[in-house]
Protein backbone atom coordinates (compact mmCIF):
# COMPACT_ATOMS: atom_id res chain seq x y z
CA MET A 1 3.66 26.61 24.16
CA PHE A 2 3.98 23.64 21.80
CA VAL A 3 4.99 20.46 23.66
CA ASP A 4 5.18 17.19 21.74
CA ARG A 5 6.87 14.93 24.32
CA ALA A 6 5.90 14.12 27.90
CA VAL A 7 6.56 11.46 30.54
CA ILE A 8 3.89 10.58 33.09
CA ARG A 9 3.48 8.02 35.87
CA VAL A 10 0.16 6.15 36.09
CA GLN A 11 -1.15 3.82 38.77
CA ALA A 12 -4.43 1.93 38.59
CA GLY A 13 -6.51 1.40 41.70
CA THR A 14 -6.08 -1.59 44.00
CA GLY A 15 -9.03 -3.96 44.23
CA GLY A 16 -11.04 -4.05 47.43
CA SER A 17 -10.65 -6.96 49.81
CA GLY A 18 -13.31 -9.60 50.27
CA ALA A 19 -15.28 -9.62 53.51
CA GLU A 20 -15.59 -12.25 56.23
CA ALA A 21 -19.14 -12.23 57.55
CA PHE A 22 -21.92 -14.60 58.65
CA ARG A 23 -25.61 -14.02 58.30
CA ARG A 24 -28.06 -14.33 61.17
CA GLU A 25 -31.55 -15.11 59.95
CA LYS A 26 -34.68 -16.13 61.78
CA GLY A 27 -35.42 -19.77 61.15
CA VAL A 28 -31.80 -20.49 60.09
CA PRO A 29 -30.22 -21.69 63.30
CA ARG A 30 -26.73 -22.20 61.93
CA GLY A 31 -26.65 -19.22 59.58
CA GLY A 32 -23.97 -19.20 56.90
CA PRO A 33 -21.12 -17.20 55.28
CA SER A 34 -22.22 -13.91 53.73
CA GLY A 35 -19.00 -12.00 53.07
CA GLY A 36 -19.19 -10.10 49.74
CA ASP A 37 -16.42 -9.57 47.18
CA GLY A 38 -14.28 -6.46 46.97
CA GLY A 39 -14.79 -3.99 44.14
CA LYS A 40 -12.43 -3.69 41.17
CA GLY A 41 -9.88 -0.90 41.22
CA GLY A 42 -10.23 1.94 38.74
CA ASP A 43 -8.33 2.00 35.42
CA VAL A 44 -6.21 4.78 33.97
CA VAL A 45 -7.57 5.62 30.52
CA LEU A 46 -6.25 7.93 27.80
CA VAL A 47 -8.95 9.62 25.71
CA VAL A 48 -8.52 11.71 22.56
CA ASP A 49 -9.72 15.31 22.86
CA THR A 50 -9.68 17.16 19.53
CA HIS A 51 -9.60 20.49 21.37
CA LEU A 52 -6.02 19.74 22.44
CA SER A 53 -3.07 20.26 20.10
CA THR A 54 -0.08 19.72 22.42
CA LEU A 55 0.95 17.65 25.44
CA LEU A 56 1.45 20.76 27.55
CA ASP A 57 -1.12 19.73 30.18
CA LEU A 58 0.83 16.53 30.90
CA THR A 59 3.89 18.55 31.89
CA HIS A 60 1.87 20.30 34.61
CA ARG A 61 0.60 17.08 36.15
CA GLN A 62 2.80 14.01 35.83
CA HIS A 63 1.23 11.54 38.28
CA TYR A 64 -2.18 9.93 37.82
CA ARG A 65 -3.69 7.47 40.31
CA ALA A 66 -7.10 5.81 39.97
CA GLU A 67 -9.38 5.14 42.93
CA ARG A 68 -9.15 1.83 44.75
CA GLY A 69 -12.12 -0.51 44.98
CA GLN A 70 -14.18 -0.64 48.14
CA HIS A 71 -14.07 -3.66 50.42
CA GLY A 72 -16.84 -6.24 50.39
CA GLU A 73 -19.49 -6.21 53.11
CA GLY A 74 -21.81 -8.59 54.85
CA SER A 75 -25.08 -9.81 53.38
CA ASN A 76 -23.13 -10.67 50.21
CA ARG A 77 -22.72 -7.02 49.30
CA THR A 78 -19.97 -6.41 46.73
CA GLY A 79 -17.81 -3.35 47.26
CA ARG A 80 -18.13 -0.44 44.85
CA GLY A 81 -15.61 -0.36 42.00
CA GLY A 82 -13.09 2.45 41.98
CA ASP A 83 -13.54 5.36 39.56
CA ASP A 84 -11.36 5.46 36.46
CA VAL A 85 -8.94 8.31 35.86
CA VAL A 86 -9.34 9.81 32.39
CA VAL A 87 -6.33 11.59 30.87
CA LYS A 88 -7.10 13.69 27.79
CA VAL A 89 -4.56 13.74 24.96
CA PRO A 90 -4.51 15.32 21.48
CA PRO A 91 -5.08 13.22 18.37
CA GLY A 92 -1.87 11.73 17.02
CA THR A 93 -0.46 10.67 20.40
CA LEU A 94 1.79 7.61 20.58
CA VAL A 95 2.10 5.88 23.95
CA ARG A 96 5.06 3.70 25.00
CA ASP A 97 6.07 1.95 28.18
CA ALA A 98 9.12 3.90 29.32
CA ASP A 99 10.78 0.88 30.90
CA THR A 100 10.38 -1.63 28.06
CA GLY A 101 9.94 0.64 25.05
CA GLU A 102 6.81 -1.31 24.08
CA LEU A 103 4.32 0.62 21.95
CA LEU A 104 1.06 0.45 23.89
CA GLY A 105 -1.08 2.23 21.36
CA GLU A 106 -1.70 5.12 19.02
CA LEU A 107 -4.61 7.50 19.55
CA LEU A 108 -5.89 9.14 16.39
CA LYS A 109 -9.66 9.70 16.36
CA SER A 110 -11.89 11.86 18.53
CA GLY A 111 -13.09 9.96 21.61
CA GLU A 112 -10.73 7.03 21.04
CA ARG A 113 -9.77 5.35 24.33
CA LEU A 114 -6.73 3.39 25.48
CA VAL A 115 -6.49 1.69 28.88
CA VAL A 116 -2.86 2.08 29.95
CA ALA A 117 -3.16 0.71 33.51
CA VAL A 118 -5.74 -1.89 34.55
CA GLY A 119 -7.24 -1.78 38.02
CA GLY A 120 -6.74 -4.72 40.37
CA ARG A 121 -9.39 -7.41 40.73
CA GLY A 122 -11.42 -7.37 43.91
CA GLY A 123 -10.80 -10.14 46.42
CA ARG A 124 -13.38 -12.84 47.07
CA GLY A 125 -15.40 -12.84 50.28
CA ASN A 126 -15.82 -15.90 52.49
CA ALA A 127 -19.19 -16.73 50.89
CA ARG A 128 -17.25 -17.78 47.80
CA PHE A 129 -15.35 -20.47 49.71
CA ALA A 130 -18.36 -22.34 51.09
CA THR A 131 -18.57 -26.02 50.11
CA SER A 132 -20.67 -28.97 51.14
CA THR A 133 -17.98 -30.01 53.60
CA ARG A 134 -16.91 -26.52 54.72
CA GLN A 135 -20.05 -24.57 55.42
CA ALA A 136 -18.60 -21.85 57.63
CA PRO A 137 -15.32 -20.78 55.98
CA ARG A 138 -13.40 -17.86 57.36
CA GLN A 139 -11.21 -17.54 54.26
CA TRP A 140 -11.22 -14.34 52.19
CA GLU A 141 -8.89 -12.69 49.68
CA PRO A 142 -7.25 -9.29 49.59
CA GLY A 143 -7.67 -7.21 46.45
CA GLU A 144 -5.03 -7.32 43.75
CA GLU A 145 -2.69 -4.39 43.17
CA GLY A 146 -3.42 -2.20 40.15
CA GLU A 147 -0.93 -1.83 37.32
CA GLU A 148 1.69 0.86 37.67
CA ARG A 149 3.93 2.09 34.88
CA THR A 150 5.77 5.08 33.44
CA LEU A 151 4.59 6.23 30.04
CA GLU A 152 6.41 8.09 27.30
CA MET A 153 4.00 10.19 25.25
CA GLU A 154 4.93 11.43 21.80
CA LEU A 155 2.77 13.61 19.59
CA LYS A 156 2.76 13.36 15.81
CA LEU A 157 0.52 15.91 14.20
CA ILE A 158 -2.14 14.59 11.85
CA ALA A 159 -2.06 16.44 8.52
CA ASP A 160 -2.72 15.56 4.90
CA VAL A 161 0.10 17.68 3.45
CA GLY A 162 3.49 18.56 4.93
CA LEU A 163 5.39 21.68 3.81
CA VAL A 164 9.14 21.08 3.60
CA GLY A 165 11.72 23.73 2.83
CA GLN A 166 14.78 25.58 3.98
CA PRO A 167 14.45 28.55 6.35
CA ASN A 168 12.78 31.53 4.67
CA ALA A 169 11.42 29.42 1.79
CA GLY A 170 7.96 30.90 2.26
CA LYS A 171 6.29 28.01 4.10
CA SER A 172 4.54 30.15 6.72
CA THR A 173 3.48 32.73 4.12
CA LEU A 174 1.98 29.99 1.97
CA LEU A 175 0.21 28.39 4.93
CA ALA A 176 -1.32 31.74 5.90
CA ALA A 177 -2.43 32.37 2.31
CA ILE A 178 -4.22 29.04 1.82
CA SER A 179 -5.69 28.53 5.30
CA GLY A 180 -6.90 30.34 8.38
CA ALA A 181 -3.63 29.73 10.23
CA THR A 182 -1.67 32.71 11.54
CA PRO A 183 1.96 31.58 11.82
CA LYS A 184 4.69 34.07 12.59
CA ILE A 185 6.03 35.65 9.38
CA ALA A 186 9.13 37.82 9.10
CA ASP A 187 11.86 38.68 6.61
CA TYR A 188 14.53 36.68 8.41
CA PRO A 189 15.19 32.93 8.67
CA PHE A 190 14.00 30.59 11.44
CA THR A 191 10.83 32.53 12.25
CA THR A 192 9.02 29.18 12.56
CA LEU A 193 10.13 27.53 15.80
CA THR A 194 7.25 25.08 16.24
CA PRO A 195 4.96 23.23 13.82
CA ASN A 196 1.80 24.95 12.64
CA LEU A 197 -1.40 23.43 11.30
CA GLY A 198 -3.83 25.05 8.88
CA VAL A 199 -7.14 23.83 7.46
CA VAL A 200 -7.60 24.52 3.75
CA GLN A 201 -11.22 25.01 2.69
CA LEU A 202 -12.10 24.55 -0.97
CA SER A 203 -15.45 24.69 -2.72
CA ASP A 204 -18.03 21.91 -2.25
CA LEU A 205 -17.07 21.54 1.43
CA ARG A 206 -13.69 20.04 0.51
CA THR A 207 -11.11 20.46 3.26
CA PHE A 208 -7.67 19.15 4.11
CA VAL A 209 -5.00 19.90 6.72
CA VAL A 210 -1.54 21.30 5.99
CA ALA A 211 1.42 21.18 8.40
CA ASP A 212 4.31 23.65 8.38
CA ILE A 213 7.47 22.65 10.24
CA PRO A 214 10.66 24.64 10.96
CA GLY A 215 13.10 25.00 8.10
CA ILE A 216 15.44 22.14 7.24
CA ILE A 217 19.09 23.01 6.72
CA GLU A 218 21.98 20.91 5.48
CA GLY A 219 22.95 18.35 8.12
CA ALA A 220 19.49 18.36 9.73
CA HIS A 221 19.54 14.55 9.99
CA GLU A 222 22.66 14.94 12.16
CA GLY A 223 20.86 17.29 14.53
CA ARG A 224 21.60 20.69 12.98
CA GLY A 225 18.85 23.27 13.17
CA LEU A 226 15.30 22.66 14.37
CA GLY A 227 13.85 20.72 11.45
CA LEU A 228 14.98 17.25 12.53
CA GLN A 229 13.16 17.20 15.85
CA PHE A 230 9.90 18.14 14.13
CA LEU A 231 10.16 15.91 11.05
CA ARG A 232 8.04 13.28 12.79
CA HIS A 233 5.08 15.65 12.49
CA ILE A 234 4.96 15.08 8.73
CA GLU A 235 5.40 11.29 8.87
CA ARG A 236 1.62 10.77 8.71
CA THR A 237 1.03 13.04 5.72
CA ARG A 238 -0.30 11.70 2.44
CA SER A 239 1.84 14.08 0.40
CA LEU A 240 4.81 16.36 0.92
CA ALA A 241 5.33 19.71 -0.78
CA PHE A 242 8.96 20.78 -1.26
CA LEU A 243 9.13 24.57 -1.37
CA ILE A 244 11.90 26.08 -3.52
CA PRO A 245 12.03 29.92 -3.45
CA MET A 246 12.89 31.92 -6.55
CA ASP A 247 15.63 33.78 -4.67
CA ALA A 248 17.53 30.53 -4.01
CA GLN A 249 21.08 30.58 -5.37
CA ASP A 250 20.67 27.12 -6.91
CA PRO A 251 17.08 25.79 -6.91
CA GLN A 252 18.15 22.35 -8.14
CA GLU A 253 20.75 21.98 -5.40
CA GLU A 254 18.24 23.13 -2.78
CA TYR A 255 15.69 20.54 -3.93
CA ASP A 256 18.29 17.75 -3.99
CA GLN A 257 19.49 18.70 -0.51
CA LEU A 258 15.96 18.60 0.93
CA ARG A 259 15.36 15.19 -0.61
CA GLN A 260 18.65 13.93 0.83
CA GLU A 261 17.87 15.19 4.33
CA ILE A 262 14.42 13.58 4.26
CA GLY A 263 15.90 10.29 3.06
CA SER A 264 18.61 10.35 5.73
CA TYR A 265 15.98 10.87 8.41
CA SER A 266 13.56 8.17 7.26
CA GLU A 267 13.51 5.94 4.21
CA GLU A 268 9.78 5.47 4.66
CA LEU A 269 9.18 9.23 4.72
CA SER A 270 11.28 9.63 1.57
CA ARG A 271 8.81 7.35 -0.23
CA THR A 272 5.89 9.65 0.55
CA PRO A 273 4.50 11.18 -2.67
CA HIS A 274 5.63 14.77 -3.13
CA CYS A 275 5.26 17.79 -5.35
CA VAL A 276 7.52 20.79 -5.92
CA VAL A 277 6.24 24.31 -5.19
CA LEU A 278 8.26 27.16 -6.70
CA THR A 279 7.57 30.01 -4.28
CA LYS A 280 8.09 33.77 -4.45
CA THR A 281 7.52 33.97 -8.20
CA ASP A 282 6.64 37.64 -7.68
CA LEU A 283 10.40 38.23 -7.36
CA LEU A 284 10.95 37.32 -11.01
CA HIS A 285 11.06 40.09 -13.56
CA PRO A 286 8.25 40.03 -16.14
CA GLY A 287 9.19 37.70 -18.95
CA ASP A 288 11.91 35.86 -16.99
CA PRO A 289 11.61 32.08 -17.32
CA LEU A 290 11.07 29.90 -14.29
CA PRO A 291 14.18 28.01 -13.16
CA GLN A 292 14.15 24.37 -14.20
CA VAL A 293 14.15 21.84 -11.37
CA ASP A 294 14.68 18.20 -12.32
CA ALA A 295 12.16 16.45 -10.08
CA SER A 296 11.32 13.29 -11.97
CA GLU A 297 9.84 11.60 -8.89
CA ALA A 298 7.51 14.51 -8.07
CA TRP A 299 3.86 14.21 -9.08
CA GLY A 300 3.67 17.89 -9.98
CA VAL A 301 5.47 21.24 -10.12
CA PHE A 302 3.55 24.41 -9.18
CA PRO A 303 4.82 28.01 -9.45
CA VAL A 304 3.07 30.23 -6.89
CA SER A 305 3.23 33.61 -5.24
CA ALA A 306 1.57 33.53 -1.85
CA VAL A 307 1.95 37.31 -1.46
CA ALA A 308 0.29 38.06 -4.81
CA ARG A 309 -2.03 35.03 -4.40
CA LYS A 310 -1.12 33.70 -7.83
CA GLY A 311 -0.99 30.03 -8.75
CA LEU A 312 -2.69 28.92 -5.54
CA HIS A 313 -5.79 27.34 -7.10
CA PRO A 314 -3.90 24.86 -9.33
CA LEU A 315 -1.73 23.92 -6.36
CA LEU A 316 -4.67 23.33 -4.02
CA ASP A 317 -6.68 21.43 -6.61
CA GLY A 318 -3.64 19.25 -7.31
CA LEU A 319 -3.10 18.56 -3.61
CA TRP A 320 -6.77 17.68 -3.12
CA ALA A 321 -6.72 15.24 -6.05
CA ARG A 322 -3.55 13.60 -4.75
CA ILE A 323 -4.97 13.27 -1.23
CA ARG A 324 -8.13 11.59 -2.55
CA GLU A 325 -5.98 9.21 -4.59
CA GLU A 326 -3.96 8.22 -1.53
CA VAL A 327 -7.14 7.79 0.55
CA GLU A 328 -8.54 5.42 -2.07
CA LYS A 329 -5.28 3.44 -2.05
CA GLU A 330 -5.45 3.13 1.72
CA GLY A 331 -9.04 1.89 1.47
CA ASN A 332 -8.11 -0.74 -1.12
CA GLU A 333 -5.20 -1.94 1.02
CA ASP A 334 -7.52 -2.35 4.01
CA GLU A 335 -9.95 -4.39 1.90
CA GLU A 336 -7.15 -6.65 0.62
CA GLU A 337 -5.84 -7.16 4.14
CA TRP A 338 -9.21 -8.40 5.41
CA TRP A 339 -10.29 -10.31 2.29
CA VAL A 340 -10.23 -14.10 2.75
CA PRO A 341 -10.66 -16.38 -0.28
CA GLU A 342 -13.50 -18.89 -0.15
CA GLU A 343 -12.62 -22.53 0.26
CA GLY A 344 -13.22 -25.07 -2.47
């Protein structure tokens, strides 16, 4: 089951209390304070696990509590710190505080960690309160409470290319033809009910990831159909591919409608570079011209037949080149952001 939203409750461990103790040593008639500090409470930590692709596990267990720190002991022994609780999440997870709406972090890379609840500090033992004028203090501190909060988790799939099209435009068929993915394919609309990811492998060890989301129909930005709730899964892509099938009644109108729905959902997403893929060209009679689609903002137009496996190589090579171009742009922007001019 694909789950891309979850709400969990996390509670870090309470710190251990400091100890009140006095040492008794031979040759030290008056002794002295020897109460140790309490241990720190455990944290709650989110860690990226690339073997996960949904938030399903977080719907089975919704409460996470870290271990409290142990109390201090005599002979200046500090209590043991509480163990952290590690919660594994898939890459592409956004984490927000449910009460304030604050974005706490975004987990993208394998092994990346985010502390979402900090354990309480351990209390000081009476040895910490000794002074030249107060040599036998009985004062000690309790441990601090650990942080407690409710988290909203949202998953946005990480893909290089997002396939966008109306129901039955051939998105799943294309994904299956160019990658090892096995999405559900049928001759009726709305066969895709959840997003699918596929890894495209080209020569020279070149690879990139393609995402297929449910079909977008007119009025999707108003909540019609399934496409709207999954559009966020293509927000991270470096390029979009608008699929226009050859059996569409009006290919130009279908392209314009898809562009409008994307723009109504997110202006930023509408600025993502895109190409046009004319699918199901095997339905055309030999010698019939391809329909003309005015897509002046597109970086390319590619006629393909996923069933006959025609036109796939130019499409994939074009997508790879565009992805590399966007990666280079991102690298240049990072360099400009951190570049500081020399003084004088």
